[in-house]
Amino acid sequence: MNKGFMQEYFRRNGQFMGWGLLIAVGFWVIVLIILPQISMLDFSFRNHLPPPEMGGPKDVYTLKNYQYLIFGAENNPEAYNRVDLMVFVRTLIAATCVTILDLVLCYPIAYYLGQSKGGGFLRILVLLLIIPYWINEILRAFAFRIIFGDSGVINEFLLLFGIIDTPFDFIRENVALYAGLGYAYILLMIFPIYNVIESLDRNQIEAARDMGASWTMIHRRVVIPYAKPGISSGCTMVFMLSAGALAAPQILGGPSSLWFTQLIYQWFNSGGNWPQGSAYAVVLLVVCIIIVLTVMRLFKVNMGDIGK
């Protein structure tokens, strides 16, 4: 930060509010984000030792916690840890699918909200989107399990109209899990896109229509390039939160839909092996960040665009 920027910052916010914001943001970033991550990173390179041996001669740095994810307990280069690696890859693919699903569903809604002229109906629509999130995430997940259950609303409807003969197992087929995750983060996709599209000059769209452009071309050449920062922001949040979700996979996941965060939870709690759990958590965080930065680079979006 240069001197001129800081002077302008304090001039606009005042000394009291300016320092208050800086302290609050600094506390949030340093104490609640950076220091816990550094502590977890340090744990990930430690041996799993009983408390009396911590700090002793055996408490040295090691890479075996990371090697375990690839080679398993034997650390044999020819025997890969196929179970954990498959869970890891499946989690990333599922998070990508949830992100794409949310984008397809939310883009039309965000466009309508951003380009509409307002009024009572618009406020009611926004309120209807927000009200369900007053309910706890775990309760919403259980509600989805009831809706998609063998005797749930969807199966009862399909049976009533003769579409199926026997109840469809939405839980085992992971339909309930994808729907629950997509619904859990839908607002994080809608509002970043809505905030950008709202500032789009409607005259640009009208000019494109007057020149004979189809709706597909208008969105491809005008709206989507303009809304790219909002789309990137929404996709980033949905992908990161979906990959790191725990409650929804545990409640809505089928027998074969183990999530990588569940493995991390097992290492931390059931196994009591914090170094191994930390290593798994660090790998998930780093890979997700690399994927997000790579996609941003492919679509030519930088962090400054997202922060606008």
Protein backbone atom coordinates (compact mmCIF):
# COMPACT_ATOMS: atom_id res chain seq x y z
CA MET A 1 0.00 0.00 0.00
CA ASN A 2 1.42 3.41 -0.94
CA LYS A 3 1.21 6.49 1.23
CA GLY A 4 -1.35 8.21 -0.98
CA PHE A 5 -3.71 5.24 -0.83
CA MET A 6 -3.57 5.11 2.98
CA GLN A 7 -4.19 8.85 3.25
CA GLU A 8 -7.23 8.56 0.99
CA TYR A 9 -8.42 5.53 2.98
CA PHE A 10 -8.29 7.38 6.32
CA ARG A 11 -9.77 10.53 4.78
CA ARG A 12 -12.83 8.58 3.59
CA ASN A 13 -13.30 6.44 6.68
CA GLY A 14 -11.87 8.54 9.49
CA GLN A 15 -9.12 7.56 11.92
CA PHE A 16 -11.32 5.57 14.31
CA MET A 17 -13.26 3.61 11.70
CA GLY A 18 -10.19 3.22 9.49
CA TRP A 19 -8.03 1.66 12.19
CA GLY A 20 -11.00 -0.42 13.38
CA LEU A 21 -11.44 -1.93 9.93
CA LEU A 22 -7.72 -2.60 9.55
CA ILE A 23 -7.53 -4.31 12.96
CA ALA A 24 -10.64 -6.38 12.29
CA VAL A 25 -9.42 -7.51 8.86
CA GLY A 26 -5.91 -8.16 10.20
CA PHE A 27 -7.30 -10.25 13.07
CA TRP A 28 -9.51 -12.19 10.65
CA VAL A 29 -6.75 -12.91 8.16
CA ILE A 30 -3.82 -13.51 10.52
CA VAL A 31 -5.38 -15.10 13.62
CA LEU A 32 -8.28 -17.00 12.08
CA ILE A 33 -6.78 -18.01 8.72
CA ILE A 34 -3.00 -17.79 8.40
CA LEU A 35 -1.90 -19.01 11.86
CA PRO A 36 -4.20 -22.08 11.91
CA GLN A 37 -3.02 -23.03 8.42
CA ILE A 38 0.63 -22.66 9.45
CA SER A 39 -0.04 -24.80 12.52
CA MET A 40 -1.72 -27.47 10.38
CA LEU A 41 1.14 -27.36 7.89
CA ASP A 42 3.63 -27.90 10.73
CA PHE A 43 1.56 -30.80 12.09
CA SER A 44 1.50 -32.45 8.66
CA PHE A 45 5.30 -32.93 8.72
CA ARG A 46 5.38 -34.41 12.23
CA ASN A 47 5.38 -38.01 13.41
CA HIS A 48 2.31 -39.36 15.17
CA LEU A 49 3.61 -39.65 18.72
CA PRO A 50 2.02 -40.01 22.16
CA PRO A 51 1.97 -36.76 24.18
CA PRO A 52 4.94 -37.69 26.43
CA GLU A 53 7.21 -38.08 23.38
CA MET A 54 6.24 -34.80 21.72
CA GLY A 55 9.23 -32.45 21.68
CA GLY A 56 11.60 -35.35 22.25
CA PRO A 57 14.22 -36.88 19.96
CA LYS A 58 11.57 -38.74 17.91
CA ASP A 59 9.61 -35.54 17.22
CA VAL A 60 11.27 -34.73 13.89
CA TYR A 61 9.99 -33.60 10.51
CA THR A 62 9.04 -36.29 8.01
CA LEU A 63 7.28 -36.72 4.66
CA LYS A 64 5.65 -40.03 5.50
CA ASN A 65 2.23 -38.49 6.10
CA TYR A 66 2.16 -37.27 2.50
CA GLN A 67 3.67 -40.51 1.21
CA TYR A 68 0.87 -42.43 2.87
CA LEU A 69 -1.73 -40.78 0.62
CA ILE A 70 0.08 -42.13 -2.46
CA PHE A 71 1.70 -45.38 -1.35
CA GLY A 72 -0.23 -46.38 1.76
CA ALA A 73 1.21 -47.82 4.96
CA GLU A 74 3.81 -49.90 3.13
CA ASN A 75 5.25 -46.90 1.25
CA ASN A 76 5.88 -49.21 -1.68
CA PRO A 77 6.23 -47.25 -4.96
CA GLU A 78 4.61 -50.18 -6.79
CA ALA A 79 1.58 -50.41 -4.45
CA TYR A 80 -0.48 -47.25 -4.60
CA ASN A 81 -3.04 -46.24 -1.98
CA ARG A 82 -5.84 -46.68 -4.52
CA VAL A 83 -8.71 -46.26 -2.04
CA ASP A 84 -7.71 -42.83 -0.71
CA LEU A 85 -6.54 -41.60 -4.11
CA MET A 86 -9.83 -42.61 -5.74
CA VAL A 87 -11.78 -40.86 -2.97
CA PHE A 88 -9.65 -37.75 -3.49
CA VAL A 89 -10.19 -37.69 -7.27
CA ARG A 90 -13.90 -38.48 -6.92
CA THR A 91 -14.32 -35.60 -4.47
CA LEU A 92 -12.73 -33.11 -6.88
CA ILE A 93 -14.83 -34.38 -9.80
CA ALA A 94 -18.02 -34.21 -7.73
CA ALA A 95 -17.21 -30.67 -6.56
CA THR A 96 -16.67 -29.67 -10.20
CA CYS A 97 -20.03 -31.19 -11.19
CA VAL A 98 -21.80 -29.35 -8.35
CA THR A 99 -20.16 -26.08 -9.44
CA ILE A 100 -21.25 -26.54 -13.06
CA LEU A 101 -24.77 -27.49 -11.96
CA ASP A 102 -25.07 -24.38 -9.80
CA LEU A 103 -23.75 -22.18 -12.59
CA VAL A 104 -26.27 -23.52 -15.10
CA LEU A 105 -29.15 -23.08 -12.65
CA CYS A 106 -28.12 -19.72 -11.19
CA TYR A 107 -27.01 -17.77 -14.25
CA PRO A 108 -30.57 -17.29 -15.63
CA ILE A 109 -31.84 -16.31 -12.18
CA ALA A 110 -28.98 -13.85 -11.64
CA TYR A 111 -29.52 -12.38 -15.10
CA TYR A 112 -33.23 -11.87 -14.46
CA LEU A 113 -32.59 -10.29 -11.06
CA GLY A 114 -29.86 -8.04 -12.42
CA GLN A 115 -31.71 -6.82 -15.51
CA SER A 116 -35.24 -6.54 -14.10
CA LYS A 117 -36.59 -3.11 -13.23
CA GLY A 118 -37.29 -4.03 -9.62
CA GLY A 119 -40.62 -3.88 -7.88
CA GLY A 120 -42.45 -5.95 -5.32
CA PHE A 121 -42.15 -9.23 -7.21
CA LEU A 122 -38.37 -8.94 -7.36
CA ARG A 123 -38.11 -8.31 -3.62
CA ILE A 124 -40.36 -11.30 -2.93
CA LEU A 125 -38.22 -13.49 -5.19
CA VAL A 126 -35.02 -12.46 -3.39
CA LEU A 127 -36.71 -13.04 -0.03
CA LEU A 128 -37.81 -16.53 -1.11
CA LEU A 129 -34.21 -17.30 -2.02
CA ILE A 130 -32.87 -16.15 1.34
CA ILE A 131 -35.47 -17.41 3.83
CA PRO A 132 -34.61 -21.15 3.51
CA TYR A 133 -31.07 -20.35 4.61
CA TRP A 134 -32.34 -19.24 7.99
CA ILE A 135 -32.56 -22.97 8.71
CA ASN A 136 -29.45 -24.79 9.91
CA GLU A 137 -27.41 -26.56 7.21
CA ILE A 138 -27.68 -29.93 8.95
CA LEU A 139 -31.47 -29.64 9.20
CA ARG A 140 -31.63 -28.80 5.48
CA ALA A 141 -29.51 -31.87 4.71
CA PHE A 142 -31.84 -34.10 6.71
CA ALA A 143 -34.80 -32.50 4.93
CA PHE A 144 -33.23 -33.46 1.60
CA ARG A 145 -32.73 -37.00 2.87
CA ILE A 146 -36.43 -37.17 3.69
CA ILE A 147 -37.44 -35.70 0.32
CA PHE A 148 -35.22 -38.11 -1.64
CA GLY A 149 -35.86 -41.14 0.59
CA ASP A 150 -37.62 -44.33 -0.51
CA SER A 151 -40.91 -43.02 0.92
CA GLY A 152 -40.12 -39.36 0.26
CA VAL A 153 -42.05 -36.80 -1.73
CA ILE A 154 -40.25 -37.44 -5.02
CA ASN A 155 -40.65 -41.24 -4.97
CA GLU A 156 -44.28 -40.94 -3.88
CA PHE A 157 -44.94 -38.58 -6.79
CA LEU A 158 -43.24 -40.86 -9.30
CA LEU A 159 -45.11 -43.92 -8.00
CA LEU A 160 -48.44 -42.09 -7.98
CA PHE A 161 -48.22 -41.21 -11.67
CA GLY A 162 -46.83 -44.60 -12.65
CA ILE A 163 -43.47 -43.23 -13.82
CA ILE A 164 -41.65 -45.93 -11.81
CA ASP A 165 -42.79 -49.27 -10.38
CA THR A 166 -40.51 -49.38 -7.35
CA PRO A 167 -38.90 -46.57 -5.33
CA PHE A 168 -35.70 -45.23 -6.84
CA ASP A 169 -32.72 -45.13 -4.47
CA PHE A 170 -31.67 -41.48 -4.81
CA ILE A 171 -29.32 -41.83 -1.82
CA ARG A 172 -27.27 -44.71 -3.22
CA GLU A 173 -27.06 -43.09 -6.65
CA ASN A 174 -25.75 -39.83 -5.09
CA VAL A 175 -28.60 -37.78 -6.59
CA ALA A 176 -29.56 -36.53 -3.14
CA LEU A 177 -25.94 -35.62 -2.36
CA TYR A 178 -25.45 -33.56 -5.52
CA ALA A 179 -28.82 -31.87 -5.10
CA GLY A 180 -28.10 -31.09 -1.44
CA LEU A 181 -24.66 -29.65 -2.14
CA GLY A 182 -25.94 -27.64 -5.08
CA TYR A 183 -28.74 -26.19 -2.98
CA ALA A 184 -26.44 -25.48 0.00
CA TYR A 185 -24.28 -23.03 -1.97
CA ILE A 186 -26.72 -21.71 -4.54
CA LEU A 187 -26.78 -18.18 -3.09
CA LEU A 188 -22.99 -18.00 -3.30
CA MET A 189 -23.36 -18.44 -7.04
CA ILE A 190 -26.38 -16.21 -7.63
CA PHE A 191 -25.39 -13.02 -5.84
CA PRO A 192 -21.82 -12.52 -7.22
CA ILE A 193 -23.19 -12.89 -10.76
CA TYR A 194 -26.20 -10.70 -9.92
CA ASN A 195 -23.99 -7.93 -8.50
CA VAL A 196 -22.01 -7.75 -11.75
CA ILE A 197 -24.93 -8.05 -14.17
CA GLU A 198 -26.84 -5.37 -12.26
CA SER A 199 -24.20 -2.83 -13.31
CA LEU A 200 -24.40 -3.83 -16.98
CA ASP A 201 -25.84 -1.03 -19.10
CA ARG A 202 -29.11 -2.27 -20.60
CA ASN A 203 -28.43 -0.11 -23.65
CA GLN A 204 -25.68 -2.52 -24.67
CA ILE A 205 -28.16 -5.38 -24.78
CA GLU A 206 -30.72 -3.29 -26.64
CA ALA A 207 -28.07 -2.22 -29.15
CA ALA A 208 -27.09 -5.82 -29.76
CA ARG A 209 -30.75 -6.76 -30.28
CA ASP A 210 -31.26 -3.86 -32.69
CA MET A 211 -28.31 -5.12 -34.72
CA GLY A 212 -29.99 -8.51 -35.08
CA ALA A 213 -28.00 -10.50 -32.53
CA SER A 214 -29.77 -13.56 -31.12
CA TRP A 215 -30.17 -14.07 -27.38
CA THR A 216 -27.47 -16.74 -27.50
CA MET A 217 -25.01 -14.35 -29.14
CA ILE A 218 -25.95 -11.51 -26.78
CA HIS A 219 -25.12 -13.64 -23.75
CA ARG A 220 -22.00 -15.12 -25.34
CA ARG A 221 -20.55 -11.83 -26.61
CA VAL A 222 -21.95 -9.22 -24.19
CA VAL A 223 -23.33 -10.53 -20.90
CA ILE A 224 -21.00 -13.42 -20.08
CA PRO A 225 -17.73 -11.52 -20.80
CA TYR A 226 -18.98 -8.66 -18.63
CA ALA A 227 -20.13 -11.03 -15.86
CA LYS A 228 -16.93 -13.09 -15.92
CA PRO A 229 -15.64 -11.73 -12.55
CA GLY A 230 -18.92 -12.60 -10.82
CA ILE A 231 -19.01 -16.03 -12.45
CA SER A 232 -15.42 -16.70 -11.37
CA SER A 233 -16.14 -15.57 -7.82
CA GLY A 234 -19.26 -17.73 -7.55
CA CYS A 235 -17.60 -20.80 -9.08
CA THR A 236 -14.59 -20.42 -6.78
CA MET A 237 -16.68 -20.31 -3.61
CA VAL A 238 -18.98 -23.15 -4.66
CA PHE A 239 -16.09 -25.39 -5.74
CA MET A 240 -14.00 -24.80 -2.61
CA LEU A 241 -16.93 -25.27 -0.23
CA SER A 242 -18.22 -28.35 -2.09
CA ALA A 243 -14.78 -29.99 -2.03
CA GLY A 244 -14.51 -29.19 1.70
CA ALA A 245 -18.06 -30.16 2.66
CA LEU A 246 -18.56 -32.65 5.48
CA ALA A 247 -22.12 -32.55 6.83
CA ALA A 248 -23.89 -33.08 3.49
CA PRO A 249 -21.74 -36.06 2.39
CA GLN A 250 -22.20 -37.74 5.76
CA ILE A 251 -25.98 -37.28 5.75
CA LEU A 252 -26.85 -37.54 2.06
CA GLY A 253 -24.06 -39.74 0.73
CA GLY A 254 -24.60 -43.36 -0.20
CA PRO A 255 -22.47 -46.34 0.88
CA SER A 256 -19.97 -45.79 -1.96
CA SER A 257 -19.82 -41.97 -1.88
CA LEU A 258 -17.06 -41.45 0.67
CA TRP A 259 -15.87 -37.84 0.60
CA PHE A 260 -12.22 -36.89 1.12
CA THR A 261 -13.19 -34.63 4.02
CA GLN A 262 -14.65 -37.68 5.73
CA LEU A 263 -11.23 -39.32 5.57
CA ILE A 264 -9.74 -36.19 7.12
CA TYR A 265 -12.39 -36.25 9.83
CA GLN A 266 -11.62 -39.91 10.56
CA TRP A 267 -7.90 -39.23 10.90
CA PHE A 268 -8.47 -36.29 13.25
CA ASN A 269 -11.21 -37.79 15.42
CA SER A 270 -11.62 -41.55 15.10
CA GLY A 271 -7.93 -42.27 14.54
CA GLY A 272 -6.58 -39.44 16.66
CA ASN A 273 -3.77 -39.01 14.12
CA TRP A 274 -3.53 -35.25 13.73
CA PRO A 275 -0.35 -35.24 11.59
CA GLN A 276 -1.93 -37.57 9.01
CA GLY A 277 -5.20 -35.63 9.02
CA SER A 278 -3.28 -32.38 8.62
CA ALA A 279 -1.38 -33.77 5.64
CA TYR A 280 -4.62 -34.81 3.94
CA ALA A 281 -6.15 -31.39 4.67
CA VAL A 282 -3.12 -29.55 3.27
CA VAL A 283 -3.17 -31.65 0.09
CA LEU A 284 -6.86 -30.92 -0.44
CA LEU A 285 -6.36 -27.18 0.14
CA VAL A 286 -3.32 -26.88 -2.14
CA VAL A 287 -4.83 -28.90 -4.99
CA CYS A 288 -8.09 -26.92 -4.84
CA ILE A 289 -6.18 -23.62 -4.94
CA ILE A 290 -4.11 -24.84 -7.91
CA ILE A 291 -7.27 -25.89 -9.77
CA VAL A 292 -8.96 -22.54 -9.10
CA LEU A 293 -5.91 -20.51 -10.17
CA THR A 294 -5.48 -22.64 -13.30
CA VAL A 295 -9.11 -22.16 -14.34
CA MET A 296 -8.86 -18.43 -13.67
CA ARG A 297 -5.79 -18.27 -15.88
CA LEU A 298 -7.51 -20.24 -18.66
CA PHE A 299 -10.47 -17.85 -18.62
CA LYS A 300 -8.20 -14.81 -18.23
CA VAL A 301 -9.60 -13.64 -14.91
CA ASN A 302 -7.33 -12.20 -12.22
CA MET A 303 -7.85 -11.61 -8.51
CA GLY A 304 -8.35 -7.89 -9.05
CA ASP A 305 -11.38 -8.55 -11.27
CA ILE A 306 -12.98 -10.76 -8.61
CA GLY A 307 -12.36 -8.17 -5.91
CA LYS A 308 -14.18 -5.38 -7.75
